[in-house]
Amino acid sequence: VQLQASGGGLVQPGGSLRLSCAASGISFSVNVMGWYRQIPGKQRELVAIITNSGTTKYADSVKGRFTISRDSAKNTVYLQMNSLKSEDTAVYYCNSKRITDLRTYWGQGTLVTVSS
């Protein structure tokens, strides 16, 4: 299993970024896919998930600004981030959790920096 995250970078407050997570070795039909983020010195926190049935859930801090989606043909999960704030600065990680046995995989992080 491989989860390859990309799309991070430096963006000004109010700007947008789209993160991508290219997945191999897993099927979206039996996995919950998620994006988490971590600020140095703090715990990793959930940002958004998309279930195997397509239901989405978001952290309160990103509701209305971030959108998680997936493209099954490309086996890729996206996180569209709009109206970015400085407090969104973090390393973002892609995650998969298999619904049958809760087996979990993590991708490498991609750094998002929101700064003027």
PDB file of N, CA and C in Angstrom:
ATOM      1  N   VAL A   1       0.840  -1.189   0.000  1.00  0.00           N
ATOM      2  CA  VAL A   1       0.000   0.000   0.000  1.00  0.00           C
ATOM      3  C   VAL A   1       0.880   1.245   0.000  1.00  0.00           C
ATOM      4  N   GLN A   2       0.515   2.184  -0.859  1.00  0.00           N
ATOM      5  CA  GLN A   2       1.221   3.471  -0.872  1.00  0.00           C
ATOM      6  C   GLN A   2       0.221   4.603  -0.967  1.00  0.00           C
ATOM      7  N   LEU A   3       0.447   5.621  -0.147  1.00  0.00           N
ATOM      8  CA  LEU A   3      -0.333   6.840  -0.212  1.00  0.00           C
ATOM      9  C   LEU A   3       0.648   7.981  -0.450  1.00  0.00           C
ATOM     10  N   GLN A   4       0.537   8.606  -1.599  1.00  0.00           N
ATOM     11  CA  GLN A   4       1.480   9.655  -1.990  1.00  0.00           C
ATOM     12  C   GLN A   4       0.775  10.999  -1.986  1.00  0.00           C
ATOM     13  N   ALA A   5       1.074  11.806  -0.984  1.00  0.00           N
ATOM     14  CA  ALA A   5       0.442  13.120  -0.868  1.00  0.00           C
ATOM     15  C   ALA A   5       1.273  14.173  -1.582  1.00  0.00           C
ATOM     16  N   SER A   6       0.593  15.132  -2.172  1.00  0.00           N
ATOM     17  CA  SER A   6       1.274  16.225  -2.856  1.00  0.00           C
ATOM     18  C   SER A   6       0.362  17.452  -2.886  1.00  0.00           C
ATOM     19  N   GLY A   7       0.940  18.569  -3.296  1.00  0.00           N
ATOM     20  CA  GLY A   7       0.144  19.777  -3.474  1.00  0.00           C
ATOM     21  C   GLY A   7       0.336  20.855  -2.429  1.00  0.00           C
ATOM     22  N   GLY A   8       1.129  20.567  -1.411  1.00  0.00           N
ATOM     23  CA  GLY A   8       1.373  21.575  -0.400  1.00  0.00           C
ATOM     24  C   GLY A   8       2.227  22.712  -0.934  1.00  0.00           C
ATOM     25  N   GLY A   9       2.319  23.772  -0.142  1.00  0.00           N
ATOM     26  CA  GLY A   9       3.129  24.906  -0.556  1.00  0.00           C
ATOM     27  C   GLY A   9       2.824  26.126   0.283  1.00  0.00           C
ATOM     28  N   LEU A  10       3.326  27.246  -0.188  1.00  0.00           N
ATOM     29  CA  LEU A  10       3.129  28.526   0.494  1.00  0.00           C
ATOM     30  C   LEU A  10       1.994  29.276  -0.199  1.00  0.00           C
ATOM     31  N   VAL A  11       1.053  29.763   0.599  1.00  0.00           N
ATOM     32  CA  VAL A  11      -0.079  30.500   0.046  1.00  0.00           C
ATOM     33  C   VAL A  11      -0.423  31.647   0.989  1.00  0.00           C
ATOM     34  N   GLN A  12      -0.927  32.714   0.442  1.00  0.00           N
ATOM     35  CA  GLN A  12      -1.316  33.857   1.266  1.00  0.00           C
ATOM     36  C   GLN A  12      -2.654  33.606   1.946  1.00  0.00           C
ATOM     37  N   PRO A  13      -2.891  34.258   3.059  1.00  0.00           N
ATOM     38  CA  PRO A  13      -4.211  34.147   3.698  1.00  0.00           C
ATOM     39  C   PRO A  13      -5.320  34.503   2.722  1.00  0.00           C
ATOM     40  N   GLY A  14      -6.375  33.700   2.748  1.00  0.00           N
ATOM     41  CA  GLY A  14      -7.469  33.892   1.807  1.00  0.00           C
ATOM     42  C   GLY A  14      -7.316  33.103   0.522  1.00  0.00           C
ATOM     43  N   GLY A  15      -6.149  32.546   0.318  1.00  0.00           N
ATOM     44  CA  GLY A  15      -5.892  31.806  -0.903  1.00  0.00           C
ATOM     45  C   GLY A  15      -6.392  30.369  -0.854  1.00  0.00           C
ATOM     46  N   SER A  16      -6.078  29.639  -1.917  1.00  0.00           N
ATOM     47  CA  SER A  16      -6.539  28.254  -2.065  1.00  0.00           C
ATOM     48  C   SER A  16      -5.392  27.333  -2.444  1.00  0.00           C
ATOM     49  N   LEU A  17      -5.553  26.086  -2.060  1.00  0.00           N
ATOM     50  CA  LEU A  17      -4.641  25.012  -2.461  1.00  0.00           C
ATOM     51  C   LEU A  17      -5.463  23.746  -2.620  1.00  0.00           C
ATOM     52  N   ARG A  18      -4.992  22.852  -3.472  1.00  0.00           N
ATOM     53  CA  ARG A  18      -5.604  21.539  -3.570  1.00  0.00           C
ATOM     54  C   ARG A  18      -4.543  20.471  -3.313  1.00  0.00           C
ATOM     55  N   LEU A  19      -4.795  19.672  -2.301  1.00  0.00           N
ATOM     56  CA  LEU A  19      -3.919  18.554  -2.004  1.00  0.00           C
ATOM     57  C   LEU A  19      -4.422  17.304  -2.711  1.00  0.00           C
ATOM     58  N   SER A  20      -3.488  16.461  -3.114  1.00  0.00           N
ATOM     59  CA  SER A  20      -3.832  15.192  -3.749  1.00  0.00           C
ATOM     60  C   SER A  20      -3.185  14.049  -2.984  1.00  0.00           C
ATOM     61  N   CYS A  21      -3.878  12.922  -2.960  1.00  0.00           N
ATOM     62  CA  CYS A  21      -3.332  11.709  -2.356  1.00  0.00           C
ATOM     63  C   CYS A  21      -3.544  10.575  -3.343  1.00  0.00           C
ATOM     64  N   ALA A  22      -2.473  10.175  -3.999  1.00  0.00           N
ATOM     65  CA  ALA A  22      -2.541   9.066  -4.942  1.00  0.00           C
ATOM     66  C   ALA A  22      -2.370   7.765  -4.178  1.00  0.00           C
ATOM     67  N   ALA A  23      -3.368   6.898  -4.262  1.00  0.00           N
ATOM     68  CA  ALA A  23      -3.368   5.652  -3.489  1.00  0.00           C
ATOM     69  C   ALA A  23      -3.125   4.464  -4.404  1.00  0.00           C
ATOM     70  N   SER A  24      -2.314   3.536  -3.939  1.00  0.00           N
ATOM     71  CA  SER A  24      -2.113   2.285  -4.655  1.00  0.00           C
ATOM     72  C   SER A  24      -2.184   1.141  -3.658  1.00  0.00           C
ATOM     73  N   GLY A  25      -2.759   0.033  -4.117  1.00  0.00           N
ATOM     74  CA  GLY A  25      -2.851  -1.133  -3.254  1.00  0.00           C
ATOM     75  C   GLY A  25      -4.072  -1.174  -2.361  1.00  0.00           C
ATOM     76  N   ILE A  26      -4.955  -0.198  -2.511  1.00  0.00           N
ATOM     77  CA  ILE A  26      -6.188  -0.194  -1.720  1.00  0.00           C
ATOM     78  C   ILE A  26      -7.361   0.136  -2.623  1.00  0.00           C
ATOM     79  N   SER A  27      -8.544  -0.200  -2.135  1.00  0.00           N
ATOM     80  CA  SER A  27      -9.773   0.088  -2.867  1.00  0.00           C
ATOM     81  C   SER A  27     -10.633   1.039  -2.045  1.00  0.00           C
ATOM     82  N   PHE A  28     -11.131   2.080  -2.681  1.00  0.00           N
ATOM     83  CA  PHE A  28     -11.986   3.037  -1.981  1.00  0.00           C
ATOM     84  C   PHE A  28     -13.295   2.386  -1.528  1.00  0.00           C
ATOM     85  N   SER A  29     -13.646   1.284  -2.127  1.00  0.00           N
ATOM     86  CA  SER A  29     -14.922   0.642  -1.774  1.00  0.00           C
ATOM     87  C   SER A  29     -14.896   0.017  -0.385  1.00  0.00           C
ATOM     88  N   VAL A  30     -13.705  -0.200   0.154  1.00  0.00           N
ATOM     89  CA  VAL A  30     -13.613  -0.807   1.489  1.00  0.00           C
ATOM     90  C   VAL A  30     -12.723   0.004   2.427  1.00  0.00           C
ATOM     91  N   ASN A  31     -12.476   1.248   2.070  1.00  0.00           N
ATOM     92  CA  ASN A  31     -11.636   2.093   2.905  1.00  0.00           C
ATOM     93  C   ASN A  31     -12.277   3.453   3.141  1.00  0.00           C
ATOM     94  N   VAL A  32     -12.093   3.933   4.354  1.00  0.00           N
ATOM     95  CA  VAL A  32     -12.384   5.332   4.662  1.00  0.00           C
ATOM     96  C   VAL A  32     -11.097   6.106   4.431  1.00  0.00           C
ATOM     97  N   MET A  33     -11.170   7.133   3.621  1.00  0.00           N
ATOM     98  CA  MET A  33      -9.995   7.948   3.322  1.00  0.00           C
ATOM     99  C   MET A  33     -10.093   9.271   4.080  1.00  0.00           C
ATOM    100  N   GLY A  34      -8.948   9.716   4.567  1.00  0.00           N
ATOM    101  CA  GLY A  34      -8.991  10.927   5.363  1.00  0.00           C
ATOM    102  C   GLY A  34      -7.775  11.804   5.181  1.00  0.00           C
ATOM    103  N   TRP A  35      -7.942  13.050   5.549  1.00  0.00           N
ATOM    104  CA  TRP A  35      -6.833  14.000   5.649  1.00  0.00           C
ATOM    105  C   TRP A  35      -6.720  14.431   7.112  1.00  0.00           C
ATOM    106  N   TYR A  36      -5.505  14.401   7.611  1.00  0.00           N
ATOM    107  CA  TYR A  36      -5.198  14.861   8.955  1.00  0.00           C
ATOM    108  C   TYR A  36      -4.114  15.918   8.842  1.00  0.00           C
ATOM    109  N   ARG A  37      -3.931  16.686   9.904  1.00  0.00           N
ATOM    110  CA  ARG A  37      -2.849  17.665   9.907  1.00  0.00           C
ATOM    111  C   ARG A  37      -2.203  17.725  11.277  1.00  0.00           C
ATOM    112  N   GLN A  38      -0.961  18.174  11.263  1.00  0.00           N
ATOM    113  CA  GLN A  38      -0.212  18.238  12.510  1.00  0.00           C
ATOM    114  C   GLN A  38       0.679  19.464  12.518  1.00  0.00           C
ATOM    115  N   ILE A  39       0.575  20.206  13.608  1.00  0.00           N
ATOM    116  CA  ILE A  39       1.463  21.328  13.855  1.00  0.00           C
ATOM    117  C   ILE A  39       2.548  20.828  14.796  1.00  0.00           C
ATOM    118  N   PRO A  40       3.796  21.214  14.564  1.00  0.00           N
ATOM    119  CA  PRO A  40       4.864  20.750  15.446  1.00  0.00           C
ATOM    120  C   PRO A  40       4.539  20.988  16.914  1.00  0.00           C
ATOM    121  N   GLY A  41       4.708  19.932  17.719  1.00  0.00           N
ATOM    122  CA  GLY A  41       4.447  20.050  19.138  1.00  0.00           C
ATOM    123  C   GLY A  41       3.015  19.782  19.529  1.00  0.00           C
ATOM    124  N   LYS A  42       2.161  19.550  18.525  1.00  0.00           N
ATOM    125  CA  LYS A  42       0.751  19.288  18.815  1.00  0.00           C
ATOM    126  C   LYS A  42       0.346  17.934  18.247  1.00  0.00           C
ATOM    127  N   GLN A  43      -0.792  17.444  18.717  1.00  0.00           N
ATOM    128  CA  GLN A  43      -1.299  16.163  18.227  1.00  0.00           C
ATOM    129  C   GLN A  43      -1.824  16.288  16.811  1.00  0.00           C
ATOM    130  N   ARG A  44      -1.711  15.181  16.104  1.00  0.00           N
ATOM    131  CA  ARG A  44      -2.296  15.129  14.771  1.00  0.00           C
ATOM    132  C   ARG A  44      -3.817  15.193  14.916  1.00  0.00           C
ATOM    133  N   GLU A  45      -4.464  15.981  14.047  1.00  0.00           N
ATOM    134  CA  GLU A  45      -5.910  16.133  14.152  1.00  0.00           C
ATOM    135  C   GLU A  45      -6.592  15.824  12.829  1.00  0.00           C
ATOM    136  N   LEU A  46      -7.819  15.353  12.942  1.00  0.00           N
ATOM    137  CA  LEU A  46      -8.606  15.039  11.769  1.00  0.00           C
ATOM    138  C   LEU A  46      -9.047  16.325  11.084  1.00  0.00           C
ATOM    139  N   VAL A  47      -8.933  16.345   9.765  1.00  0.00           N
ATOM    140  CA  VAL A  47      -9.418  17.470   8.974  1.00  0.00           C
ATOM    141  C   VAL A  47     -10.706  17.087   8.267  1.00  0.00           C
ATOM    142  N   ALA A  48     -10.661  15.968   7.541  1.00  0.00           N
ATOM    143  CA  ALA A  48     -11.838  15.548   6.775  1.00  0.00           C
ATOM    144  C   ALA A  48     -11.707  14.079   6.427  1.00  0.00           C
ATOM    145  N   ILE A  49     -12.866  13.407   6.292  1.00  0.00           N
ATOM    146  CA  ILE A  49     -12.872  12.033   5.824  1.00  0.00           C
ATOM    147  C   ILE A  49     -13.953  11.863   4.764  1.00  0.00           C
ATOM    148  N   ILE A  50     -13.752  10.846   3.945  1.00  0.00           N
ATOM    149  CA  ILE A  50     -14.774  10.429   2.997  1.00  0.00           C
ATOM    150  C   ILE A  50     -14.896   8.923   3.137  1.00  0.00           C
ATOM    151  N   THR A  51     -16.098   8.453   3.421  1.00  0.00           N
ATOM    152  CA  THR A  51     -16.281   7.032   3.685  1.00  0.00           C
ATOM    153  C   THR A  51     -16.345   6.245   2.381  1.00  0.00           C
ATOM    154  N   ASN A  52     -16.392   4.928   2.523  1.00  0.00           N
ATOM    155  CA  ASN A  52     -16.466   4.071   1.342  1.00  0.00           C
ATOM    156  C   ASN A  52     -17.759   4.323   0.562  1.00  0.00           C
ATOM    157  N   SER A  53     -18.793   4.810   1.226  1.00  0.00           N
ATOM    158  CA  SER A  53     -20.057   5.098   0.548  1.00  0.00           C
ATOM    159  C   SER A  53     -20.133   6.544   0.043  1.00  0.00           C
ATOM    160  N   GLY A  54     -19.108   7.327   0.313  1.00  0.00           N
ATOM    161  CA  GLY A  54     -19.061   8.692  -0.195  1.00  0.00           C
ATOM    162  C   GLY A  54     -19.510   9.767   0.779  1.00  0.00           C
ATOM    163  N   THR A  55     -19.868   9.378   1.980  1.00  0.00           N
ATOM    164  CA  THR A  55     -20.225  10.358   2.999  1.00  0.00           C
ATOM    165  C   THR A  55     -18.990  11.124   3.446  1.00  0.00           C
ATOM    166  N   THR A  56     -19.148  12.418   3.626  1.00  0.00           N
ATOM    167  CA  THR A  56     -18.023  13.251   4.050  1.00  0.00           C
ATOM    168  C   THR A  56     -18.283  13.864   5.423  1.00  0.00           C
ATOM    169  N   LYS A  57     -17.203  14.046   6.154  1.00  0.00           N
ATOM    170  CA  LYS A  57     -17.286  14.702   7.461  1.00  0.00           C
ATOM    171  C   LYS A  57     -16.075  15.611   7.598  1.00  0.00           C
ATOM    172  N   TYR A  58     -16.267  16.716   8.330  1.00  0.00           N
ATOM    173  CA  TYR A  58     -15.218  17.720   8.457  1.00  0.00           C
ATOM    174  C   TYR A  58     -15.049  18.160   9.902  1.00  0.00           C
ATOM    175  N   ALA A  59     -13.838  18.566  10.210  1.00  0.00           N
ATOM    176  CA  ALA A  59     -13.608  19.233  11.482  1.00  0.00           C
ATOM    177  C   ALA A  59     -14.339  20.577  11.444  1.00  0.00           C
ATOM    178  N   ASP A  60     -14.834  21.007  12.596  1.00  0.00           N
ATOM    179  CA  ASP A  60     -15.578  22.269  12.648  1.00  0.00           C
ATOM    180  C   ASP A  60     -14.738  23.439  12.126  1.00  0.00           C
ATOM    181  N   SER A  61     -13.445  23.378  12.358  1.00  0.00           N
ATOM    182  CA  SER A  61     -12.566  24.485  11.985  1.00  0.00           C
ATOM    183  C   SER A  61     -12.423  24.671  10.477  1.00  0.00           C
ATOM    184  N   VAL A  62     -12.800  23.656   9.690  1.00  0.00           N
ATOM    185  CA  VAL A  62     -12.630  23.760   8.240  1.00  0.00           C
ATOM    186  C   VAL A  62     -13.949  23.680   7.480  1.00  0.00           C
ATOM    187  N   LYS A  63     -15.036  23.455   8.190  1.00  0.00           N
ATOM    188  CA  LYS A  63     -16.340  23.346   7.523  1.00  0.00           C
ATOM    189  C   LYS A  63     -16.644  24.600   6.717  1.00  0.00           C
ATOM    190  N   GLY A  64     -17.116  24.384   5.499  1.00  0.00           N
ATOM    191  CA  GLY A  64     -17.440  25.501   4.629  1.00  0.00           C
ATOM    192  C   GLY A  64     -16.258  26.056   3.857  1.00  0.00           C
ATOM    193  N   ARG A  65     -15.054  25.624   4.215  1.00  0.00           N
ATOM    194  CA  ARG A  65     -13.858  26.115   3.518  1.00  0.00           C
ATOM    195  C   ARG A  65     -13.130  24.985   2.774  1.00  0.00           C
ATOM    196  N   PHE A  66     -13.139  23.790   3.335  1.00  0.00           N
ATOM    197  CA  PHE A  66     -12.437  22.653   2.742  1.00  0.00           C
ATOM    198  C   PHE A  66     -13.446  21.660   2.177  1.00  0.00           C
ATOM    199  N   THR A  67     -13.033  20.979   1.114  1.00  0.00           N
ATOM    200  CA  THR A  67     -13.862  19.937   0.515  1.00  0.00           C
ATOM    201  C   THR A  67     -13.005  18.724   0.201  1.00  0.00           C
ATOM    202  N   ILE A  68     -13.423  17.573   0.702  1.00  0.00           N
ATOM    203  CA  ILE A  68     -12.734  16.326   0.388  1.00  0.00           C
ATOM    204  C   ILE A  68     -13.516  15.627  -0.714  1.00  0.00           C
ATOM    205  N   SER A  69     -12.785  15.039  -1.652  1.00  0.00           N
ATOM    206  CA  SER A  69     -13.426  14.313  -2.745  1.00  0.00           C
ATOM    207  C   SER A  69     -12.497  13.196  -3.198  1.00  0.00           C
ATOM    208  N   ARG A  70     -13.009  12.356  -4.066  1.00  0.00           N
ATOM    209  CA  ARG A  70     -12.182  11.268  -4.573  1.00  0.00           C
ATOM    210  C   ARG A  70     -12.517  10.992  -6.027  1.00  0.00           C
ATOM    211  N   ASP A  71     -11.538  10.470  -6.737  1.00  0.00           N
ATOM    212  CA  ASP A  71     -11.696  10.040  -8.117  1.00  0.00           C
ATOM    213  C   ASP A  71     -11.305   8.568  -8.150  1.00  0.00           C
ATOM    214  N   SER A  72     -12.291   7.701  -8.213  1.00  0.00           N
ATOM    215  CA  SER A  72     -12.009   6.261  -8.159  1.00  0.00           C
ATOM    216  C   SER A  72     -11.235   5.787  -9.378  1.00  0.00           C
ATOM    217  N   ALA A  73     -11.460   6.413 -10.516  1.00  0.00           N
ATOM    218  CA  ALA A  73     -10.746   6.019 -11.733  1.00  0.00           C
ATOM    219  C   ALA A  73      -9.251   6.275 -11.592  1.00  0.00           C
ATOM    220  N   LYS A  74      -8.920   7.351 -10.874  1.00  0.00           N
ATOM    221  CA  LYS A  74      -7.505   7.693 -10.675  1.00  0.00           C
ATOM    222  C   LYS A  74      -6.992   7.199  -9.323  1.00  0.00           C
ATOM    223  N   ASN A  75      -7.872   6.615  -8.515  1.00  0.00           N
ATOM    224  CA  ASN A  75      -7.514   6.178  -7.160  1.00  0.00           C
ATOM    225  C   ASN A  75      -6.833   7.305  -6.381  1.00  0.00           C
ATOM    226  N   THR A  76      -7.436   8.460  -6.453  1.00  0.00           N
ATOM    227  CA  THR A  76      -6.857   9.652  -5.834  1.00  0.00           C
ATOM    228  C   THR A  76      -7.910  10.363  -4.996  1.00  0.00           C
ATOM    229  N   VAL A  77      -7.476  10.830  -3.845  1.00  0.00           N
ATOM    230  CA  VAL A  77      -8.325  11.619  -2.953  1.00  0.00           C
ATOM    231  C   VAL A  77      -7.793  13.047  -2.946  1.00  0.00           C
ATOM    232  N   TYR A  78      -8.704  13.997  -2.904  1.00  0.00           N
ATOM    233  CA  TYR A  78      -8.325  15.405  -2.947  1.00  0.00           C
ATOM    234  C   TYR A  78      -8.816  16.137  -1.702  1.00  0.00           C
ATOM    235  N   LEU A  79      -8.121  17.205  -1.385  1.00  0.00           N
ATOM    236  CA  LEU A  79      -8.604  18.133  -0.360  1.00  0.00           C
ATOM    237  C   LEU A  79      -8.485  19.528  -0.942  1.00  0.00           C
ATOM    238  N   GLN A  80      -9.615  20.096  -1.311  1.00  0.00           N
ATOM    239  CA  GLN A  80      -9.649  21.464  -1.806  1.00  0.00           C
ATOM    240  C   GLN A  80      -9.762  22.395  -0.611  1.00  0.00           C
ATOM    241  N   MET A  81      -8.810  23.279  -0.479  1.00  0.00           N
ATOM    242  CA  MET A  81      -8.769  24.179   0.669  1.00  0.00           C
ATOM    243  C   MET A  81      -8.914  25.614   0.178  1.00  0.00           C
ATOM    244  N   ASN A  82      -9.984  26.259   0.589  1.00  0.00           N
ATOM    245  CA  ASN A  82     -10.254  27.648   0.214  1.00  0.00           C
ATOM    246  C   ASN A  82     -10.247  28.532   1.453  1.00  0.00           C
ATOM    247  N   SER A  83     -10.159  29.817   1.219  1.00  0.00           N
ATOM    248  CA  SER A  83     -10.175  30.796   2.320  1.00  0.00           C
ATOM    249  C   SER A  83      -9.202  30.403   3.423  1.00  0.00           C
ATOM    250  N   LEU A  84      -8.004  30.090   3.024  1.00  0.00           N
ATOM    251  CA  LEU A  84      -7.009  29.597   3.981  1.00  0.00           C
ATOM    252  C   LEU A  84      -6.638  30.662   4.998  1.00  0.00           C
ATOM    253  N   LYS A  85      -6.391  30.187   6.210  1.00  0.00           N
ATOM    254  CA  LYS A  85      -6.014  31.050   7.324  1.00  0.00           C
ATOM    255  C   LYS A  85      -4.636  30.633   7.832  1.00  0.00           C
ATOM    256  N   SER A  86      -4.010  31.517   8.559  1.00  0.00           N
ATOM    257  CA  SER A  86      -2.675  31.199   9.088  1.00  0.00           C
ATOM    258  C   SER A  86      -2.729  29.968   9.989  1.00  0.00           C
ATOM    259  N   GLU A  87      -3.842  29.789  10.678  1.00  0.00           N
ATOM    260  CA  GLU A  87      -3.956  28.627  11.569  1.00  0.00           C
ATOM    261  C   GLU A  87      -4.130  27.306  10.834  1.00  0.00           C
ATOM    262  N   ASP A  88      -4.265  27.356   9.521  1.00  0.00           N
ATOM    263  CA  ASP A  88      -4.297  26.127   8.722  1.00  0.00           C
ATOM    264  C   ASP A  88      -2.887  25.631   8.407  1.00  0.00           C
ATOM    265  N   THR A  89      -1.890  26.411   8.752  1.00  0.00           N
ATOM    266  CA  THR A  89      -0.500  26.008   8.521  1.00  0.00           C
ATOM    267  C   THR A  89      -0.185  24.744   9.305  1.00  0.00           C
ATOM    268  N   ALA A  90       0.257  23.715   8.594  1.00  0.00           N
ATOM    269  CA  ALA A  90       0.531  22.413   9.214  1.00  0.00           C
ATOM    270  C   ALA A  90       1.080  21.473   8.155  1.00  0.00           C
ATOM    271  N   VAL A  91       1.526  20.321   8.618  1.00  0.00           N
ATOM    272  CA  VAL A  91       1.836  19.226   7.704  1.00  0.00           C
ATOM    273  C   VAL A  91       0.563  18.399   7.565  1.00  0.00           C
ATOM    274  N   TYR A  92       0.146  18.175   6.340  1.00  0.00           N
ATOM    275  CA  TYR A  92      -1.096  17.448   6.057  1.00  0.00           C
ATOM    276  C   TYR A  92      -0.760  16.023   5.625  1.00  0.00           C
ATOM    277  N   TYR A  93      -1.479  15.073   6.201  1.00  0.00           N
ATOM    278  CA  TYR A  93      -1.246  13.653   5.942  1.00  0.00           C
ATOM    279  C   TYR A  93      -2.500  13.002   5.376  1.00  0.00           C
ATOM    280  N   CYS A  94      -2.271  12.118   4.439  1.00  0.00           N
ATOM    281  CA  CYS A  94      -3.341  11.292   3.884  1.00  0.00           C
ATOM    282  C   CYS A  94      -3.393   9.986   4.669  1.00  0.00           C
ATOM    283  N   ASN A  95      -4.597   9.467   4.841  1.00  0.00           N
ATOM    284  CA  ASN A  95      -4.794   8.279   5.669  1.00  0.00           C
ATOM    285  C   ASN A  95      -5.844   7.383   5.036  1.00  0.00           C
ATOM    286  N   SER A  96      -5.658   6.075   5.189  1.00  0.00           N
ATOM    287  CA  SER A  96      -6.709   5.132   4.788  1.00  0.00           C
ATOM    288  C   SER A  96      -6.980   4.181   5.941  1.00  0.00           C
ATOM    289  N   LYS A  97      -8.238   3.816   6.122  1.00  0.00           N
ATOM    290  CA  LYS A  97      -8.617   2.869   7.164  1.00  0.00           C
ATOM    291  C   LYS A  97      -9.586   1.868   6.568  1.00  0.00           C
ATOM    292  N   ARG A  98      -9.174   0.599   6.577  1.00  0.00           N
ATOM    293  CA  ARG A  98     -10.009  -0.435   5.975  1.00  0.00           C
ATOM    294  C   ARG A  98     -11.174  -0.747   6.896  1.00  0.00           C
ATOM    295  N   ILE A  99     -12.374  -0.785   6.349  1.00  0.00           N
ATOM    296  CA  ILE A  99     -13.560  -0.933   7.183  1.00  0.00           C
ATOM    297  C   ILE A  99     -13.697  -2.335   7.752  1.00  0.00           C
ATOM    298  N   THR A 100     -13.049  -3.322   7.139  1.00  0.00           N
ATOM    299  CA  THR A 100     -13.209  -4.701   7.586  1.00  0.00           C
ATOM    300  C   THR A 100     -12.406  -4.986   8.857  1.00  0.00           C
ATOM    301  N   ASP A 101     -11.180  -4.479   8.902  1.00  0.00           N
ATOM    302  CA  ASP A 101     -10.330  -4.786  10.052  1.00  0.00           C
ATOM    303  C   ASP A 101      -9.633  -3.565  10.647  1.00  0.00           C
ATOM    304  N   LEU A 102     -10.029  -2.373  10.176  1.00  0.00           N
ATOM    305  CA  LEU A 102      -9.484  -1.104  10.659  1.00  0.00           C
ATOM    306  C   LEU A 102      -7.986  -0.960  10.395  1.00  0.00           C
ATOM    307  N   ARG A 103      -7.459  -1.740   9.463  1.00  0.00           N
ATOM    308  CA  ARG A 103      -6.047  -1.597   9.107  1.00  0.00           C
ATOM    309  C   ARG A 103      -5.833  -0.195   8.547  1.00  0.00           C
ATOM    310  N   THR A 104      -4.815   0.467   9.055  1.00  0.00           N
ATOM    311  CA  THR A 104      -4.602   1.881   8.745  1.00  0.00           C
ATOM    312  C   THR A 104      -3.250   2.107   8.089  1.00  0.00           C
ATOM    313  N   TYR A 105      -3.249   2.980   7.104  1.00  0.00           N
ATOM    314  CA  TYR A 105      -2.004   3.378   6.438  1.00  0.00           C
ATOM    315  C   TYR A 105      -1.926   4.904   6.397  1.00  0.00           C
ATOM    316  N   TRP A 106      -0.695   5.384   6.426  1.00  0.00           N
ATOM    317  CA  TRP A 106      -0.429   6.815   6.351  1.00  0.00           C
ATOM    318  C   TRP A 106       0.487   7.121   5.182  1.00  0.00           C
ATOM    319  N   GLY A 107       0.228   8.230   4.546  1.00  0.00           N
ATOM    320  CA  GLY A 107       1.154   8.722   3.552  1.00  0.00           C
ATOM    321  C   GLY A 107       2.172   9.635   4.191  1.00  0.00           C
ATOM    322  N   GLN A 108       3.131  10.073   3.402  1.00  0.00           N
ATOM    323  CA  GLN A 108       4.073  11.057   3.926  1.00  0.00           C
ATOM    324  C   GLN A 108       3.366  12.405   3.957  1.00  0.00           C
ATOM    325  N   GLY A 109       3.793  13.301   4.748  1.00  0.00           N
ATOM    326  CA  GLY A 109       3.112  14.576   4.866  1.00  0.00           C
ATOM    327  C   GLY A 109       3.470  15.544   3.761  1.00  0.00           C
ATOM    328  N   THR A 110       2.600  16.514   3.580  1.00  0.00           N
ATOM    329  CA  THR A 110       2.888  17.613   2.673  1.00  0.00           C
ATOM    330  C   THR A 110       2.633  18.911   3.437  1.00  0.00           C
ATOM    331  N   LEU A 111       3.611  19.806   3.381  1.00  0.00           N
ATOM    332  CA  LEU A 111       3.553  21.011   4.210  1.00  0.00           C
ATOM    333  C   LEU A 111       2.730  22.102   3.540  1.00  0.00           C
ATOM    334  N   VAL A 112       1.796  22.641   4.297  1.00  0.00           N
ATOM    335  CA  VAL A 112       1.010  23.792   3.858  1.00  0.00           C
ATOM    336  C   VAL A 112       1.354  24.964   4.766  1.00  0.00           C
ATOM    337  N   THR A 113       1.797  26.043   4.179  1.00  0.00           N
ATOM    338  CA  THR A 113       2.136  27.243   4.936  1.00  0.00           C
ATOM    339  C   THR A 113       1.275  28.394   4.436  1.00  0.00           C
ATOM    340  N   VAL A 114       0.520  28.973   5.353  1.00  0.00           N
ATOM    341  CA  VAL A 114      -0.335  30.103   5.006  1.00  0.00           C
ATOM    342  C   VAL A 114       0.250  31.344   5.668  1.00  0.00           C
ATOM    343  N   SER A 115       0.788  32.206   4.836  1.00  0.00           N
ATOM    344  CA  SER A 115       1.491  33.370   5.372  1.00  0.00           C
ATOM    345  C   SER A 115       1.566  34.457   4.308  1.00  0.00           C
ATOM    346  N   SER A 116       1.554  35.691   4.780  1.00  0.00           N
ATOM    347  CA  SER A 116       1.723  36.810   3.856  1.00  0.00           C
ATOM    348  C   SER A 116       3.188  37.226   3.780  1.00  0.00           C
TER     349      SER A 116
END
